[in-house]
Amino acid sequence: MKFVKQFTILVTVCFIGEILYRIIPLPVPASIYGLVLMFLALQAKIMPLSAVDQASDAILSIMPLLFIPSTVGLILAWDILKARWLQFLLMGIVGSIVVFFAAGHVTQLVIRIMKKFNGKEGQHD
């Protein structure tokens, strides 16, 4: 029953992300709104990690299966893609490098901010 409750919480946050996507006129995917909401709820201690840890671990464990439909779609579209396969491959490689670079820098920035915040917080105790 605990797993069902945790999964319901995750689905509810995703649903709220979908609502925000419809309401806010920005070109931001609904899944990003959901991720930000979940991050903020966990950081603000509105929701403890234990409220979603088992369900999120289960979803992460099956994540590779979620790529099968898109892979099948690429295989089915091969007749269209084969004329420009090299361009798609290069876009994929360059895009991945840019995402890795950006994710690394954002992670370092967040770590620095958290260290500053925790350092200042510790001085007040």
N, C-alpha and C. Protein backbone atom coordinates (compact mmCIF):
# COMPACT_ATOMS: atom_id res chain seq x y z
N MET A 1 0.82 -1.20 0.00
CA MET A 1 0.00 0.00 0.00
C MET A 1 0.86 1.26 0.00
N LYS A 2 2.01 1.18 0.67
CA LYS A 2 2.91 2.33 0.74
C LYS A 2 3.39 2.71 -0.66
N PHE A 3 3.69 1.69 -1.47
CA PHE A 3 4.15 1.95 -2.84
C PHE A 3 3.09 2.67 -3.65
N VAL A 4 1.84 2.24 -3.52
CA VAL A 4 0.73 2.88 -4.25
C VAL A 4 0.60 4.34 -3.83
N LYS A 5 0.70 4.60 -2.53
CA LYS A 5 0.62 5.98 -2.04
C LYS A 5 1.75 6.83 -2.61
N GLN A 6 2.97 6.29 -2.61
CA GLN A 6 4.11 7.03 -3.14
C GLN A 6 3.96 7.29 -4.64
N PHE A 7 3.51 6.28 -5.36
CA PHE A 7 3.31 6.44 -6.80
C PHE A 7 2.22 7.47 -7.08
N THR A 8 1.18 7.48 -6.26
CA THR A 8 0.10 8.46 -6.41
C THR A 8 0.64 9.87 -6.19
N ILE A 9 1.53 10.04 -5.24
CA ILE A 9 2.14 11.36 -5.00
C ILE A 9 2.92 11.80 -6.24
N LEU A 10 3.72 10.90 -6.80
CA LEU A 10 4.50 11.23 -8.00
C LEU A 10 3.61 11.60 -9.18
N VAL A 11 2.55 10.83 -9.38
CA VAL A 11 1.63 11.11 -10.48
C VAL A 11 0.91 12.44 -10.25
N THR A 12 0.56 12.73 -9.02
CA THR A 12 -0.11 13.99 -8.71
C THR A 12 0.80 15.18 -9.01
N VAL A 13 2.07 15.07 -8.64
CA VAL A 13 3.02 16.15 -8.93
C VAL A 13 3.16 16.32 -10.45
N CYS A 14 3.22 15.22 -11.18
CA CYS A 14 3.29 15.30 -12.65
C CYS A 14 2.03 15.96 -13.21
N PHE A 15 0.88 15.63 -12.65
CA PHE A 15 -0.37 16.23 -13.10
C PHE A 15 -0.39 17.73 -12.85
N ILE A 16 0.09 18.15 -11.70
CA ILE A 16 0.18 19.58 -11.40
C ILE A 16 1.13 20.26 -12.40
N GLY A 17 2.21 19.57 -12.77
CA GLY A 17 3.11 20.09 -13.80
C GLY A 17 2.39 20.28 -15.13
N GLU A 18 1.51 19.34 -15.47
CA GLU A 18 0.72 19.46 -16.70
C GLU A 18 -0.21 20.68 -16.63
N ILE A 19 -0.81 20.89 -15.48
CA ILE A 19 -1.70 22.04 -15.31
C ILE A 19 -0.91 23.34 -15.46
N LEU A 20 0.26 23.41 -14.83
CA LEU A 20 1.09 24.60 -14.94
C LEU A 20 1.52 24.84 -16.39
N TYR A 21 1.80 23.76 -17.11
CA TYR A 21 2.17 23.87 -18.52
C TYR A 21 1.05 24.54 -19.33
N ARG A 22 -0.18 24.19 -19.01
CA ARG A 22 -1.33 24.76 -19.72
C ARG A 22 -1.59 26.21 -19.32
N ILE A 23 -1.26 26.55 -18.07
CA ILE A 23 -1.57 27.88 -17.56
C ILE A 23 -0.46 28.89 -17.87
N ILE A 24 0.78 28.51 -17.67
CA ILE A 24 1.91 29.43 -17.81
C ILE A 24 2.36 29.46 -19.28
N PRO A 25 2.38 30.64 -19.89
CA PRO A 25 2.70 30.73 -21.32
C PRO A 25 4.22 30.75 -21.60
N LEU A 26 4.92 29.73 -21.13
CA LEU A 26 6.36 29.61 -21.38
C LEU A 26 6.62 28.31 -22.14
N PRO A 27 7.65 28.27 -22.97
CA PRO A 27 7.96 27.03 -23.70
C PRO A 27 8.74 26.04 -22.83
N VAL A 28 8.16 25.68 -21.69
CA VAL A 28 8.78 24.76 -20.75
C VAL A 28 7.92 23.50 -20.71
N PRO A 29 8.51 22.32 -20.90
CA PRO A 29 7.73 21.09 -20.86
C PRO A 29 7.09 20.86 -19.48
N ALA A 30 5.96 20.21 -19.49
CA ALA A 30 5.24 19.92 -18.24
C ALA A 30 6.09 19.09 -17.29
N SER A 31 6.90 18.21 -17.82
CA SER A 31 7.73 17.37 -16.95
C SER A 31 8.74 18.20 -16.17
N ILE A 32 9.20 19.29 -16.75
CA ILE A 32 10.15 20.17 -16.04
C ILE A 32 9.44 20.87 -14.89
N TYR A 33 8.20 21.32 -15.14
CA TYR A 33 7.43 21.91 -14.04
C TYR A 33 7.28 20.91 -12.91
N GLY A 34 6.98 19.66 -13.24
CA GLY A 34 6.84 18.62 -12.23
C GLY A 34 8.12 18.38 -11.47
N LEU A 35 9.25 18.34 -12.20
CA LEU A 35 10.54 18.14 -11.54
C LEU A 35 10.86 19.29 -10.59
N VAL A 36 10.60 20.50 -11.03
CA VAL A 36 10.87 21.66 -10.18
C VAL A 36 9.97 21.64 -8.95
N LEU A 37 8.70 21.31 -9.13
CA LEU A 37 7.79 21.22 -7.99
C LEU A 37 8.27 20.17 -6.99
N MET A 38 8.66 19.01 -7.50
CA MET A 38 9.13 17.94 -6.61
C MET A 38 10.40 18.38 -5.88
N PHE A 39 11.32 19.01 -6.62
CA PHE A 39 12.56 19.49 -6.02
C PHE A 39 12.28 20.50 -4.91
N LEU A 40 11.41 21.46 -5.20
CA LEU A 40 11.08 22.48 -4.20
C LEU A 40 10.40 21.88 -2.98
N ALA A 41 9.49 20.93 -3.21
CA ALA A 41 8.79 20.30 -2.08
C ALA A 41 9.77 19.52 -1.20
N LEU A 42 10.72 18.84 -1.83
CA LEU A 42 11.71 18.09 -1.05
C LEU A 42 12.69 19.02 -0.33
N GLN A 43 13.13 20.07 -1.02
CA GLN A 43 14.08 21.00 -0.41
C GLN A 43 13.46 21.80 0.73
N ALA A 44 12.21 22.18 0.55
CA ALA A 44 11.53 22.97 1.59
C ALA A 44 10.99 22.09 2.71
N LYS A 45 11.23 20.79 2.60
CA LYS A 45 10.77 19.82 3.61
C LYS A 45 9.25 19.79 3.72
N ILE A 46 8.57 20.24 2.66
CA ILE A 46 7.11 20.11 2.59
C ILE A 46 6.75 18.63 2.47
N MET A 47 7.61 17.91 1.73
CA MET A 47 7.43 16.49 1.54
C MET A 47 8.76 15.80 1.90
N PRO A 48 8.74 14.85 2.80
CA PRO A 48 9.99 14.14 3.12
C PRO A 48 10.34 13.16 2.00
N LEU A 49 11.60 12.89 1.85
CA LEU A 49 12.05 11.95 0.83
C LEU A 49 11.41 10.59 1.01
N SER A 50 11.15 10.21 2.23
CA SER A 50 10.54 8.90 2.50
C SER A 50 9.13 8.79 1.92
N ALA A 51 8.52 9.91 1.53
CA ALA A 51 7.19 9.88 0.94
C ALA A 51 7.19 9.39 -0.50
N VAL A 52 8.36 9.37 -1.13
CA VAL A 52 8.42 8.96 -2.54
C VAL A 52 9.63 8.08 -2.86
N ASP A 53 10.43 7.71 -1.89
CA ASP A 53 11.70 7.04 -2.19
C ASP A 53 11.54 5.67 -2.84
N GLN A 54 10.65 4.83 -2.35
CA GLN A 54 10.51 3.49 -2.92
C GLN A 54 9.94 3.52 -4.34
N ALA A 55 8.92 4.34 -4.56
CA ALA A 55 8.32 4.43 -5.89
C ALA A 55 9.29 5.03 -6.90
N SER A 56 10.04 6.05 -6.48
CA SER A 56 10.99 6.66 -7.41
C SER A 56 12.13 5.69 -7.72
N ASP A 57 12.58 4.90 -6.74
CA ASP A 57 13.60 3.89 -7.00
C ASP A 57 13.09 2.84 -8.00
N ALA A 58 11.83 2.46 -7.85
CA ALA A 58 11.25 1.48 -8.78
C ALA A 58 11.18 2.03 -10.19
N ILE A 59 10.79 3.28 -10.32
CA ILE A 59 10.70 3.90 -11.65
C ILE A 59 12.09 4.02 -12.27
N LEU A 60 13.07 4.41 -11.46
CA LEU A 60 14.44 4.50 -11.98
C LEU A 60 14.98 3.14 -12.42
N SER A 61 14.58 2.08 -11.73
CA SER A 61 15.08 0.75 -12.08
C SER A 61 14.54 0.26 -13.43
N ILE A 62 13.37 0.75 -13.84
CA ILE A 62 12.82 0.34 -15.14
C ILE A 62 13.02 1.40 -16.22
N MET A 63 13.76 2.44 -15.91
CA MET A 63 13.93 3.54 -16.85
C MET A 63 14.40 3.11 -18.25
N PRO A 64 15.36 2.19 -18.37
CA PRO A 64 15.76 1.77 -19.73
C PRO A 64 14.61 1.26 -20.59
N LEU A 65 13.61 0.64 -19.96
CA LEU A 65 12.46 0.15 -20.73
C LEU A 65 11.66 1.30 -21.35
N LEU A 66 11.74 2.47 -20.74
CA LEU A 66 10.97 3.61 -21.23
C LEU A 66 11.53 4.15 -22.55
N PHE A 67 12.74 3.75 -22.90
CA PHE A 67 13.34 4.21 -24.15
C PHE A 67 12.98 3.31 -25.34
N ILE A 68 12.38 2.17 -25.08
CA ILE A 68 12.05 1.24 -26.16
C ILE A 68 11.09 1.85 -27.18
N PRO A 69 10.00 2.50 -26.78
CA PRO A 69 9.10 3.07 -27.79
C PRO A 69 9.77 4.08 -28.72
N SER A 70 10.63 4.94 -28.18
CA SER A 70 11.29 5.92 -29.05
C SER A 70 12.29 5.23 -29.98
N THR A 71 12.94 4.19 -29.50
CA THR A 71 13.87 3.45 -30.35
C THR A 71 13.12 2.76 -31.48
N VAL A 72 11.99 2.16 -31.17
CA VAL A 72 11.18 1.51 -32.21
C VAL A 72 10.70 2.56 -33.21
N GLY A 73 10.34 3.73 -32.73
CA GLY A 73 9.92 4.81 -33.63
C GLY A 73 11.03 5.21 -34.59
N LEU A 74 12.27 5.26 -34.10
CA LEU A 74 13.39 5.57 -34.98
C LEU A 74 13.61 4.48 -36.03
N ILE A 75 13.47 3.24 -35.60
CA ILE A 75 13.63 2.13 -36.54
C ILE A 75 12.55 2.18 -37.61
N LEU A 76 11.32 2.46 -37.20
CA LEU A 76 10.22 2.54 -38.17
C LEU A 76 10.38 3.73 -39.12
N ALA A 77 11.05 4.77 -38.68
CA ALA A 77 11.24 5.96 -39.52
C ALA A 77 12.56 5.91 -40.29
N TRP A 78 13.21 4.76 -40.33
CA TRP A 78 14.53 4.67 -40.97
C TRP A 78 14.51 5.12 -42.42
N ASP A 79 13.44 4.84 -43.16
CA ASP A 79 13.38 5.26 -44.57
C ASP A 79 13.50 6.78 -44.70
N ILE A 80 12.96 7.50 -43.77
CA ILE A 80 13.03 8.96 -43.78
C ILE A 80 14.40 9.43 -43.28
N LEU A 81 14.94 8.76 -42.27
CA LEU A 81 16.17 9.20 -41.62
C LEU A 81 17.45 8.82 -42.35
N LYS A 82 17.41 7.76 -43.15
CA LYS A 82 18.66 7.23 -43.71
C LYS A 82 19.38 8.22 -44.61
N ALA A 83 18.66 9.15 -45.23
CA ALA A 83 19.31 10.13 -46.10
C ALA A 83 20.15 11.13 -45.29
N ARG A 84 19.82 11.33 -44.04
CA ARG A 84 20.51 12.32 -43.21
C ARG A 84 21.00 11.72 -41.88
N TRP A 85 21.35 10.45 -41.88
CA TRP A 85 21.73 9.77 -40.64
C TRP A 85 22.94 10.41 -39.98
N LEU A 86 23.91 10.87 -40.80
CA LEU A 86 25.10 11.47 -40.23
C LEU A 86 24.78 12.77 -39.49
N GLN A 87 23.89 13.56 -40.07
CA GLN A 87 23.49 14.82 -39.42
C GLN A 87 22.78 14.54 -38.09
N PHE A 88 21.91 13.54 -38.08
CA PHE A 88 21.22 13.19 -36.83
C PHE A 88 22.21 12.66 -35.79
N LEU A 89 23.16 11.87 -36.23
CA LEU A 89 24.17 11.34 -35.31
C LEU A 89 24.99 12.48 -34.71
N LEU A 90 25.45 13.40 -35.56
CA LEU A 90 26.23 14.54 -35.06
C LEU A 90 25.42 15.42 -34.13
N MET A 91 24.15 15.65 -34.47
CA MET A 91 23.29 16.44 -33.57
C MET A 91 23.14 15.74 -32.23
N GLY A 92 22.99 14.45 -32.24
CA GLY A 92 22.87 13.70 -31.00
C GLY A 92 24.13 13.79 -30.15
N ILE A 93 25.29 13.67 -30.79
CA ILE A 93 26.57 13.74 -30.07
C ILE A 93 26.79 15.15 -29.51
N VAL A 94 26.62 16.16 -30.35
CA VAL A 94 26.81 17.54 -29.90
C VAL A 94 25.80 17.90 -28.82
N GLY A 95 24.54 17.50 -29.01
CA GLY A 95 23.52 17.78 -28.01
C GLY A 95 23.84 17.13 -26.68
N SER A 96 24.32 15.89 -26.72
CA SER A 96 24.68 15.20 -25.48
C SER A 96 25.83 15.90 -24.77
N ILE A 97 26.83 16.34 -25.53
CA ILE A 97 27.97 17.04 -24.93
C ILE A 97 27.50 18.34 -24.27
N VAL A 98 26.64 19.07 -24.96
CA VAL A 98 26.12 20.32 -24.39
C VAL A 98 25.34 20.05 -23.11
N VAL A 99 24.50 19.01 -23.11
CA VAL A 99 23.72 18.67 -21.91
C VAL A 99 24.64 18.25 -20.77
N PHE A 100 25.66 17.43 -21.05
CA PHE A 100 26.60 17.02 -20.01
C PHE A 100 27.32 18.23 -19.43
N PHE A 101 27.77 19.12 -20.30
CA PHE A 101 28.48 20.33 -19.88
C PHE A 101 27.58 21.20 -19.00
N ALA A 102 26.36 21.44 -19.47
CA ALA A 102 25.44 22.29 -18.72
C ALA A 102 25.07 21.65 -17.38
N ALA A 103 24.78 20.35 -17.39
CA ALA A 103 24.41 19.67 -16.14
C ALA A 103 25.56 19.70 -15.14
N GLY A 104 26.78 19.52 -15.61
CA GLY A 104 27.94 19.57 -14.73
C GLY A 104 28.12 20.94 -14.10
N HIS A 105 27.98 21.98 -14.91
CA HIS A 105 28.15 23.33 -14.39
C HIS A 105 27.02 23.73 -13.44
N VAL A 106 25.80 23.34 -13.75
CA VAL A 106 24.69 23.64 -12.86
C VAL A 106 24.87 22.90 -11.54
N THR A 107 25.31 21.64 -11.62
CA THR A 107 25.55 20.87 -10.40
C THR A 107 26.62 21.52 -9.54
N GLN A 108 27.72 21.96 -10.17
CA GLN A 108 28.78 22.64 -9.42
C GLN A 108 28.27 23.93 -8.80
N LEU A 109 27.45 24.67 -9.53
CA LEU A 109 26.89 25.91 -9.00
C LEU A 109 26.00 25.63 -7.79
N VAL A 110 25.16 24.63 -7.89
CA VAL A 110 24.27 24.28 -6.77
C VAL A 110 25.09 23.84 -5.56
N ILE A 111 26.14 23.06 -5.79
CA ILE A 111 27.00 22.62 -4.69
C ILE A 111 27.65 23.82 -4.01
N ARG A 112 28.17 24.77 -4.80
CA ARG A 112 28.78 25.97 -4.22
C ARG A 112 27.76 26.77 -3.42
N ILE A 113 26.56 26.93 -3.96
CA ILE A 113 25.51 27.68 -3.25
C ILE A 113 25.14 26.97 -1.95
N MET A 114 25.00 25.65 -2.01
CA MET A 114 24.65 24.89 -0.81
C MET A 114 25.76 24.98 0.24
N LYS A 115 27.02 24.95 -0.20
CA LYS A 115 28.13 25.08 0.76
C LYS A 115 28.11 26.45 1.42
N LYS A 116 27.87 27.50 0.63
CA LYS A 116 27.79 28.85 1.20
C LYS A 116 26.63 28.94 2.17
N PHE A 117 25.48 28.41 1.76
CA PHE A 117 24.29 28.46 2.60
C PHE A 117 24.52 27.69 3.90
N ASN A 118 25.06 26.50 3.80
CA ASN A 118 25.31 25.69 4.99
C ASN A 118 26.39 26.31 5.86
N GLY A 119 27.37 26.95 5.25
CA GLY A 119 28.43 27.61 6.02
C GLY A 119 27.88 28.79 6.80
N LYS A 120 27.06 29.62 6.16
CA LYS A 120 26.46 30.77 6.84
C LYS A 120 25.48 30.31 7.90
N GLU A 121 24.72 29.23 7.57
CA GLU A 121 23.76 28.72 8.53
C GLU A 121 24.47 28.21 9.78
N GLY A 122 25.62 27.56 9.60
CA GLY A 122 26.37 27.02 10.72
C GLY A 122 26.95 28.13 11.60
N GLN A 123 27.25 29.32 11.03
CA GLN A 123 27.82 30.41 11.81
C GLN A 123 26.82 31.01 12.77
N HIS A 124 25.54 30.90 12.46
CA HIS A 124 24.52 31.48 13.30
C HIS A 124 24.19 30.61 14.50
N ASP A 125 24.59 29.33 14.48
CA ASP A 125 24.25 28.43 15.59
C ASP A 125 25.00 28.73 16.81
